Amino acid sequence: MIIIPARLESSRFPKKILADIQGVPMVIATANRVKDIDKVAIATDSQEVVEMVKGYGFEAVMTSVVHQSGTDRINEAAKKLGIAEDEIIINVQADEPFIEPEVVQKVHQRTQEVAEDASIMIVSCYKEIEPSFATDPNHVKVIMDAYENAIYFSRSKIPFDREEHHNYFGHLGIYGFTKKNLAAFCSLGKSPLEDIEKLEQLRALYYGKKVAMVKVDSKSFGIDTKEDLALALKRFGS
């Protein structure tokens, strides 16, 4: 199942999930992009969003207003939906209205492949990014080991490239879990690293779990600010 966490308020871009994307709210545009991959549910903290989502024919799950992360929100939704422990759950961020379906499909496939590997808690994806994105703290960077597992995620430009020959990799906020691993992740205490960087995936690395990565080709990016929205609409069409 694909679960899209859809918190209504956002500090950098209030009510961004309702921003118009080609005639529909952003969260619906995102759901439409991935609906042919697996069943979609939208987990929200707003009755307004619940009613809107149902009006577009998608399943909505009302969740707590106190969640500090999208992962905690989808974990509550997964419990309410009665999902089996071994079922694959893909977390697609509501602010990815131009995400390519094949990107989500790759994460889904990789999650299935590593589902029995107890050392891997999460699967996610990355892409090569433009130099301007590498210096932008709103776009998260990732470095990996020889086995394509994440070493670290940061809002900073990593690694430091003394000779300026390095290609930088951007992290896309799409996560794959089994239901069991999703619950296990949410049961871990919040880590110092995630608090510093404001990146919840660092929790898994802090507690010695692996985040398996898969490389994708994507022009999409998460919309965190009004400037991001303007750039996305210019790039992908209004």
C-alpha atoms as a PDB file:
ATOM      1  CA  MET A   1       0.000   0.000   0.000  1.00  0.00           C
ATOM      2  CA  ILE A   2       1.049   3.594  -0.627  1.00  0.00           C
ATOM      3  CA  ILE A   3       0.302   5.952   2.260  1.00  0.00           C
ATOM      4  CA  ILE A   4       0.700   9.691   1.750  1.00  0.00           C
ATOM      5  CA  PRO A   5       1.133  11.713   4.977  1.00  0.00           C
ATOM      6  CA  ALA A   6      -0.681  15.006   4.579  1.00  0.00           C
ATOM      7  CA  ARG A   7      -0.248  17.395   7.495  1.00  0.00           C
ATOM      8  CA  LEU A   8      -2.227  20.531   6.740  1.00  0.00           C
ATOM      9  CA  GLU A   9       0.049  23.108   8.322  1.00  0.00           C
ATOM     10  CA  SER A  10       3.664  23.677   7.283  1.00  0.00           C
ATOM     11  CA  SER A  11       6.040  26.207   8.799  1.00  0.00           C
ATOM     12  CA  ARG A  12       7.716  27.132   5.518  1.00  0.00           C
ATOM     13  CA  PHE A  13       4.630  26.966   3.303  1.00  0.00           C
ATOM     14  CA  PRO A  14       1.297  26.923   5.201  1.00  0.00           C
ATOM     15  CA  LYS A  15      -1.368  24.623   3.686  1.00  0.00           C
ATOM     16  CA  LYS A  16       0.937  23.738   0.808  1.00  0.00           C
ATOM     17  CA  ILE A  17      -0.755  20.356   0.300  1.00  0.00           C
ATOM     18  CA  LEU A  18      -3.822  22.277  -0.900  1.00  0.00           C
ATOM     19  CA  ALA A  19      -1.872  24.429  -3.378  1.00  0.00           C
ATOM     20  CA  ASP A  20      -3.251  24.212  -6.906  1.00  0.00           C
ATOM     21  CA  ILE A  21      -1.376  21.845  -9.203  1.00  0.00           C
ATOM     22  CA  GLN A  22      -2.851  21.711 -12.681  1.00  0.00           C
ATOM     23  CA  GLY A  23      -6.375  22.152 -11.327  1.00  0.00           C
ATOM     24  CA  VAL A  24      -6.283  19.890  -8.257  1.00  0.00           C
ATOM     25  CA  PRO A  25      -4.849  20.184  -4.724  1.00  0.00           C
ATOM     26  CA  MET A  26      -1.192  19.170  -4.434  1.00  0.00           C
ATOM     27  CA  VAL A  27      -1.883  16.051  -2.349  1.00  0.00           C
ATOM     28  CA  ILE A  28      -4.399  14.813  -4.928  1.00  0.00           C
ATOM     29  CA  ALA A  29      -1.959  15.486  -7.770  1.00  0.00           C
ATOM     30  CA  THR A  30       0.581  13.331  -5.902  1.00  0.00           C
ATOM     31  CA  ALA A  31      -1.958  10.559  -5.320  1.00  0.00           C
ATOM     32  CA  ASN A  32      -2.918  10.571  -8.991  1.00  0.00           C
ATOM     33  CA  ARG A  33       0.725  10.049  -9.949  1.00  0.00           C
ATOM     34  CA  VAL A  34       1.051   6.811  -7.969  1.00  0.00           C
ATOM     35  CA  LYS A  35      -2.448   5.324  -7.912  1.00  0.00           C
ATOM     36  CA  ASP A  36      -1.669   2.707 -10.586  1.00  0.00           C
ATOM     37  CA  ILE A  37       1.226   1.218  -8.552  1.00  0.00           C
ATOM     38  CA  ASP A  38      -0.708   0.133  -5.468  1.00  0.00           C
ATOM     39  CA  LYS A  39      -3.716   1.074  -3.390  1.00  0.00           C
ATOM     40  CA  VAL A  40      -3.412   4.629  -2.036  1.00  0.00           C
ATOM     41  CA  ALA A  41      -4.498   6.049   1.328  1.00  0.00           C
ATOM     42  CA  ILE A  42      -3.948   9.599   2.557  1.00  0.00           C
ATOM     43  CA  ALA A  43      -3.187  10.080   6.261  1.00  0.00           C
ATOM     44  CA  THR A  44      -4.031  13.546   7.536  1.00  0.00           C
ATOM     45  CA  ASP A  45      -4.641  15.568  10.684  1.00  0.00           C
ATOM     46  CA  SER A  46      -7.410  17.674   9.156  1.00  0.00           C
ATOM     47  CA  GLN A  47     -11.107  16.915   8.724  1.00  0.00           C
ATOM     48  CA  GLU A  48     -11.097  19.426   5.858  1.00  0.00           C
ATOM     49  CA  VAL A  49      -8.523  17.286   4.060  1.00  0.00           C
ATOM     50  CA  VAL A  50     -10.425  14.067   4.834  1.00  0.00           C
ATOM     51  CA  GLU A  51     -13.557  15.404   3.139  1.00  0.00           C
ATOM     52  CA  MET A  52     -11.606  16.787   0.200  1.00  0.00           C
ATOM     53  CA  VAL A  53      -9.728  13.510  -0.331  1.00  0.00           C
ATOM     54  CA  LYS A  54     -12.931  11.466  -0.273  1.00  0.00           C
ATOM     55  CA  GLY A  55     -14.414  13.828  -2.825  1.00  0.00           C
ATOM     56  CA  TYR A  56     -11.640  12.827  -5.222  1.00  0.00           C
ATOM     57  CA  GLY A  57     -12.265   9.120  -4.608  1.00  0.00           C
ATOM     58  CA  PHE A  58      -9.246   8.314  -2.422  1.00  0.00           C
ATOM     59  CA  GLU A  59      -9.247   6.668   0.989  1.00  0.00           C
ATOM     60  CA  ALA A  60      -8.535   9.040   3.871  1.00  0.00           C
ATOM     61  CA  VAL A  61      -7.393   8.196   7.404  1.00  0.00           C
ATOM     62  CA  MET A  62      -7.734  10.741  10.201  1.00  0.00           C
ATOM     63  CA  THR A  63      -4.633  10.762  12.422  1.00  0.00           C
ATOM     64  CA  SER A  64      -3.385  12.656  15.456  1.00  0.00           C
ATOM     65  CA  VAL A  65      -2.399  16.313  15.297  1.00  0.00           C
ATOM     66  CA  VAL A  66       0.612  15.708  17.554  1.00  0.00           C
ATOM     67  CA  HIS A  67       2.782  13.659  15.166  1.00  0.00           C
ATOM     68  CA  GLN A  68       6.189  15.205  14.596  1.00  0.00           C
ATOM     69  CA  SER A  69       6.907  13.262  11.402  1.00  0.00           C
ATOM     70  CA  GLY A  70       5.183  11.819   8.372  1.00  0.00           C
ATOM     71  CA  THR A  71       6.449   8.363   9.304  1.00  0.00           C
ATOM     72  CA  ASP A  72       4.698   8.475  12.678  1.00  0.00           C
ATOM     73  CA  ARG A  73       1.551   9.541  10.842  1.00  0.00           C
ATOM     74  CA  ILE A  74       1.618   6.666   8.365  1.00  0.00           C
ATOM     75  CA  ASN A  75       2.368   4.243  11.191  1.00  0.00           C
ATOM     76  CA  GLU A  76      -0.867   5.275  12.916  1.00  0.00           C
ATOM     77  CA  ALA A  77      -2.713   5.001   9.597  1.00  0.00           C
ATOM     78  CA  ALA A  78      -1.288   1.520   8.971  1.00  0.00           C
ATOM     79  CA  LYS A  79      -2.581   0.373  12.353  1.00  0.00           C
ATOM     80  CA  LYS A  80      -6.031   1.792  11.679  1.00  0.00           C
ATOM     81  CA  LEU A  81      -6.123   0.160   8.249  1.00  0.00           C
ATOM     82  CA  GLY A  82      -5.256  -3.249   9.733  1.00  0.00           C
ATOM     83  CA  ILE A  83      -2.334  -3.845   7.383  1.00  0.00           C
ATOM     84  CA  ALA A  84      -0.525  -7.192   7.753  1.00  0.00           C
ATOM     85  CA  GLU A  85       2.944  -7.233   9.368  1.00  0.00           C
ATOM     86  CA  ASP A  86       4.717  -8.344   6.179  1.00  0.00           C
ATOM     87  CA  GLU A  87       2.898  -6.005   3.802  1.00  0.00           C
ATOM     88  CA  ILE A  88       4.964  -3.403   1.940  1.00  0.00           C
ATOM     89  CA  ILE A  89       4.147   0.203   2.771  1.00  0.00           C
ATOM     90  CA  ILE A  90       5.492   3.046   0.649  1.00  0.00           C
ATOM     91  CA  ASN A  91       5.575   6.536   2.125  1.00  0.00           C
ATOM     92  CA  VAL A  92       5.226   9.098  -0.667  1.00  0.00           C
ATOM     93  CA  GLN A  93       5.399  12.703   0.480  1.00  0.00           C
ATOM     94  CA  ALA A  94       2.368  14.852  -0.309  1.00  0.00           C
ATOM     95  CA  ASP A  95       4.629  17.568  -1.741  1.00  0.00           C
ATOM     96  CA  GLU A  96       5.837  15.429  -4.695  1.00  0.00           C
ATOM     97  CA  PRO A  97       3.080  16.175  -7.252  1.00  0.00           C
ATOM     98  CA  PHE A  98       5.389  15.570 -10.211  1.00  0.00           C
ATOM     99  CA  ILE A  99       7.034  12.372  -9.000  1.00  0.00           C
ATOM    100  CA  GLU A 100       7.504   9.825 -11.756  1.00  0.00           C
ATOM    101  CA  PRO A 101       5.558   6.588 -11.097  1.00  0.00           C
ATOM    102  CA  GLU A 102       8.574   4.487 -12.104  1.00  0.00           C
ATOM    103  CA  VAL A 103      10.559   6.034  -9.240  1.00  0.00           C
ATOM    104  CA  VAL A 104       8.014   4.852  -6.679  1.00  0.00           C
ATOM    105  CA  GLN A 105       7.851   1.474  -8.412  1.00  0.00           C
ATOM    106  CA  LYS A 106      11.631   1.067  -8.014  1.00  0.00           C
ATOM    107  CA  VAL A 107      11.400   1.718  -4.283  1.00  0.00           C
ATOM    108  CA  HIS A 108       8.520  -0.740  -4.028  1.00  0.00           C
ATOM    109  CA  GLN A 109      10.500  -3.442  -5.841  1.00  0.00           C
ATOM    110  CA  ARG A 110      13.634  -2.881  -3.765  1.00  0.00           C
ATOM    111  CA  THR A 111      11.628  -3.050  -0.549  1.00  0.00           C
ATOM    112  CA  GLN A 112      10.253  -6.424  -1.612  1.00  0.00           C
ATOM    113  CA  GLU A 113      13.774  -7.663  -2.419  1.00  0.00           C
ATOM    114  CA  VAL A 114      15.218  -6.834   1.016  1.00  0.00           C
ATOM    115  CA  ALA A 115      12.132  -7.553   3.122  1.00  0.00           C
ATOM    116  CA  GLU A 116      13.798 -10.563   4.788  1.00  0.00           C
ATOM    117  CA  ASP A 117      17.081  -8.767   5.563  1.00  0.00           C
ATOM    118  CA  ALA A 118      16.875  -7.922   9.267  1.00  0.00           C
ATOM    119  CA  SER A 119      19.702  -5.370   9.006  1.00  0.00           C
ATOM    120  CA  ILE A 120      17.719  -3.141   6.622  1.00  0.00           C
ATOM    121  CA  MET A 121      14.995  -1.044   8.181  1.00  0.00           C
ATOM    122  CA  ILE A 122      14.139   1.354   5.354  1.00  0.00           C
ATOM    123  CA  VAL A 123      14.464   1.581   1.574  1.00  0.00           C
ATOM    124  CA  SER A 124      14.684   4.934  -0.175  1.00  0.00           C
ATOM    125  CA  CYS A 125      16.057   6.453  -3.383  1.00  0.00           C
ATOM    126  CA  TYR A 126      18.462   9.039  -4.729  1.00  0.00           C
ATOM    127  CA  LYS A 127      19.432  10.812  -7.926  1.00  0.00           C
ATOM    128  CA  GLU A 128      22.245  12.941  -9.276  1.00  0.00           C
ATOM    129  CA  ILE A 129      21.492  16.604  -8.662  1.00  0.00           C
ATOM    130  CA  GLU A 130      22.378  19.940 -10.151  1.00  0.00           C
ATOM    131  CA  PRO A 131      25.138  21.942  -8.374  1.00  0.00           C
ATOM    132  CA  SER A 132      22.621  24.599  -7.313  1.00  0.00           C
ATOM    133  CA  PHE A 133      20.580  21.962  -5.460  1.00  0.00           C
ATOM    134  CA  ALA A 134      23.727  20.633  -3.725  1.00  0.00           C
ATOM    135  CA  THR A 135      24.157  23.944  -1.885  1.00  0.00           C
ATOM    136  CA  ASP A 136      20.446  24.363  -1.049  1.00  0.00           C
ATOM    137  CA  PRO A 137      19.589  23.181   2.500  1.00  0.00           C
ATOM    138  CA  ASN A 138      15.995  22.536   1.441  1.00  0.00           C
ATOM    139  CA  HIS A 139      17.277  19.704  -0.795  1.00  0.00           C
ATOM    140  CA  VAL A 140      18.702  16.790   1.160  1.00  0.00           C
ATOM    141  CA  LYS A 141      21.951  15.116   0.091  1.00  0.00           C
ATOM    142  CA  VAL A 142      23.039  11.528   0.704  1.00  0.00           C
ATOM    143  CA  ILE A 143      26.291   9.561   0.552  1.00  0.00           C
ATOM    144  CA  MET A 144      26.422   5.775   0.225  1.00  0.00           C
ATOM    145  CA  ASP A 145      28.703   2.820   0.805  1.00  0.00           C
ATOM    146  CA  ALA A 146      29.853   0.242  -1.769  1.00  0.00           C
ATOM    147  CA  TYR A 147      26.638  -1.726  -1.261  1.00  0.00           C
ATOM    148  CA  GLU A 148      24.361   1.246  -1.987  1.00  0.00           C
ATOM    149  CA  ASN A 149      23.343   1.658   1.634  1.00  0.00           C
ATOM    150  CA  ALA A 150      23.187   5.175   3.042  1.00  0.00           C
ATOM    151  CA  ILE A 151      26.142   6.361   5.137  1.00  0.00           C
ATOM    152  CA  TYR A 152      24.653   9.772   5.958  1.00  0.00           C
ATOM    153  CA  PHE A 153      21.983  12.261   4.937  1.00  0.00           C
ATOM    154  CA  SER A 154      22.480  16.001   5.316  1.00  0.00           C
ATOM    155  CA  ARG A 155      21.127  19.373   4.352  1.00  0.00           C
ATOM    156  CA  SER A 156      24.762  20.379   3.882  1.00  0.00           C
ATOM    157  CA  LYS A 157      26.800  19.690   0.766  1.00  0.00           C
ATOM    158  CA  ILE A 158      28.317  16.242   1.412  1.00  0.00           C
ATOM    159  CA  PRO A 159      30.960  15.004   1.050  1.00  0.00           C
ATOM    160  CA  PHE A 160      33.340  17.965   1.094  1.00  0.00           C
ATOM    161  CA  ASP A 161      35.020  17.897  -2.309  1.00  0.00           C
ATOM    162  CA  ARG A 162      38.499  19.437  -2.140  1.00  0.00           C
ATOM    163  CA  GLU A 163      39.117  19.058  -5.882  1.00  0.00           C
ATOM    164  CA  GLU A 164      35.548  19.794  -7.015  1.00  0.00           C
ATOM    165  CA  HIS A 165      35.190  16.674  -9.155  1.00  0.00           C
ATOM    166  CA  HIS A 166      32.427  14.963  -7.204  1.00  0.00           C
ATOM    167  CA  ASN A 167      28.885  14.303  -8.411  1.00  0.00           C
ATOM    168  CA  TYR A 168      26.359  15.038  -5.701  1.00  0.00           C
ATOM    169  CA  PHE A 169      23.359  12.883  -4.927  1.00  0.00           C
ATOM    170  CA  GLY A 170      20.012  14.164  -3.743  1.00  0.00           C
ATOM    171  CA  HIS A 171      17.677  12.165  -1.559  1.00  0.00           C
ATOM    172  CA  LEU A 172      14.070  11.800  -2.648  1.00  0.00           C
ATOM    173  CA  GLY A 173      11.625  11.600   0.251  1.00  0.00           C
ATOM    174  CA  ILE A 174      10.108   8.264  -0.677  1.00  0.00           C
ATOM    175  CA  TYR A 175      10.429   5.434   1.861  1.00  0.00           C
ATOM    176  CA  GLY A 176       9.655   1.731   1.735  1.00  0.00           C
ATOM    177  CA  PHE A 177       9.029  -0.417   4.822  1.00  0.00           C
ATOM    178  CA  THR A 178       7.410  -3.620   5.790  1.00  0.00           C
ATOM    179  CA  LYS A 179       4.631  -2.893   8.282  1.00  0.00           C
ATOM    180  CA  LYS A 180       6.806  -4.528  10.971  1.00  0.00           C
ATOM    181  CA  ASN A 181       9.822  -2.326  10.185  1.00  0.00           C
ATOM    182  CA  LEU A 182       7.647   0.774  10.081  1.00  0.00           C
ATOM    183  CA  ALA A 183       6.417   0.055  13.608  1.00  0.00           C
ATOM    184  CA  ALA A 184       9.969  -0.750  14.754  1.00  0.00           C
ATOM    185  CA  PHE A 185      11.281   2.536  13.375  1.00  0.00           C
ATOM    186  CA  CYS A 186       8.575   4.521  15.131  1.00  0.00           C
ATOM    187  CA  SER A 187       9.302   2.743  18.425  1.00  0.00           C
ATOM    188  CA  LEU A 188      12.903   4.002  18.451  1.00  0.00           C
ATOM    189  CA  GLY A 189      13.694   7.070  20.498  1.00  0.00           C
ATOM    190  CA  LYS A 190      14.313  10.297  18.621  1.00  0.00           C
ATOM    191  CA  SER A 191      18.015  10.635  17.816  1.00  0.00           C
ATOM    192  CA  PRO A 192      20.303  13.661  18.271  1.00  0.00           C
ATOM    193  CA  LEU A 193      21.270  13.639  14.590  1.00  0.00           C
ATOM    194  CA  GLU A 194      17.718  13.822  13.318  1.00  0.00           C
ATOM    195  CA  ASP A 195      17.029  16.659  15.742  1.00  0.00           C
ATOM    196  CA  ILE A 196      20.028  18.623  14.462  1.00  0.00           C
ATOM    197  CA  GLU A 197      19.424  18.069  10.738  1.00  0.00           C
ATOM    198  CA  LYS A 198      15.615  17.786  10.985  1.00  0.00           C
ATOM    199  CA  LEU A 199      15.834  14.548   8.978  1.00  0.00           C
ATOM    200  CA  GLU A 200      13.990  11.638  10.559  1.00  0.00           C
ATOM    201  CA  GLN A 201      15.699   8.955   8.432  1.00  0.00           C
ATOM    202  CA  LEU A 202      18.879   9.594  10.435  1.00  0.00           C
ATOM    203  CA  ARG A 203      17.167   7.829  13.344  1.00  0.00           C
ATOM    204  CA  ALA A 204      17.658   4.458  11.644  1.00  0.00           C
ATOM    205  CA  LEU A 205      21.374   5.092  11.038  1.00  0.00           C
ATOM    206  CA  TYR A 206      21.895   6.342  14.597  1.00  0.00           C
ATOM    207  CA  TYR A 207      20.549   3.080  15.989  1.00  0.00           C
ATOM    208  CA  GLY A 208      22.699   0.947  13.675  1.00  0.00           C
ATOM    209  CA  LYS A 209      20.068   0.022  11.103  1.00  0.00           C
ATOM    210  CA  LYS A 210      20.613   0.267   7.357  1.00  0.00           C
ATOM    211  CA  VAL A 211      18.797   2.402   4.838  1.00  0.00           C
ATOM    212  CA  ALA A 212      19.045   0.677   1.454  1.00  0.00           C
ATOM    213  CA  MET A 213      19.110   3.099  -1.465  1.00  0.00           C
ATOM    214  CA  VAL A 214      18.193   2.703  -5.111  1.00  0.00           C
ATOM    215  CA  LYS A 215      19.282   5.109  -7.830  1.00  0.00           C
ATOM    216  CA  VAL A 216      16.540   6.626  -9.963  1.00  0.00           C
ATOM    217  CA  ASP A 217      16.176   9.038 -12.847  1.00  0.00           C
ATOM    218  CA  SER A 218      13.908  11.858 -11.812  1.00  0.00           C
ATOM    219  CA  LYS A 219      13.316  15.500 -12.617  1.00  0.00           C
ATOM    220  CA  SER A 220      10.927  15.896  -9.699  1.00  0.00           C
ATOM    221  CA  PHE A 221      11.693  17.519  -6.359  1.00  0.00           C
ATOM    222  CA  GLY A 222       9.817  18.105  -3.139  1.00  0.00           C
ATOM    223  CA  ILE A 223       8.013  21.410  -2.822  1.00  0.00           C
ATOM    224  CA  ASP A 224       9.010  22.967   0.498  1.00  0.00           C
ATOM    225  CA  THR A 225       8.536  26.661  -0.284  1.00  0.00           C
ATOM    226  CA  LYS A 226       6.486  28.926  -2.516  1.00  0.00           C
ATOM    227  CA  GLU A 227       9.638  29.433  -4.570  1.00  0.00           C
ATOM    228  CA  ASP A 228       9.861  25.666  -5.099  1.00  0.00           C
ATOM    229  CA  LEU A 229       6.243  25.668  -6.283  1.00  0.00           C
ATOM    230  CA  ALA A 230       6.900  28.448  -8.774  1.00  0.00           C
ATOM    231  CA  LEU A 231       9.955  26.598 -10.114  1.00  0.00           C
ATOM    232  CA  ALA A 232       8.048  23.298 -10.365  1.00  0.00           C
ATOM    233  CA  LEU A 233       5.156  24.868 -12.237  1.00  0.00           C
ATOM    234  CA  LYS A 234       7.566  26.579 -14.599  1.00  0.00           C
ATOM    235  CA  ARG A 235       9.496  23.360 -15.181  1.00  0.00           C
ATOM    236  CA  PHE A 236       6.599  20.910 -15.425  1.00  0.00           C
ATOM    237  CA  GLY A 237       3.802  23.167 -16.622  1.00  0.00           C
ATOM    238  CA  SER A 238       1.023  25.028 -14.805  1.00  0.00           C
END
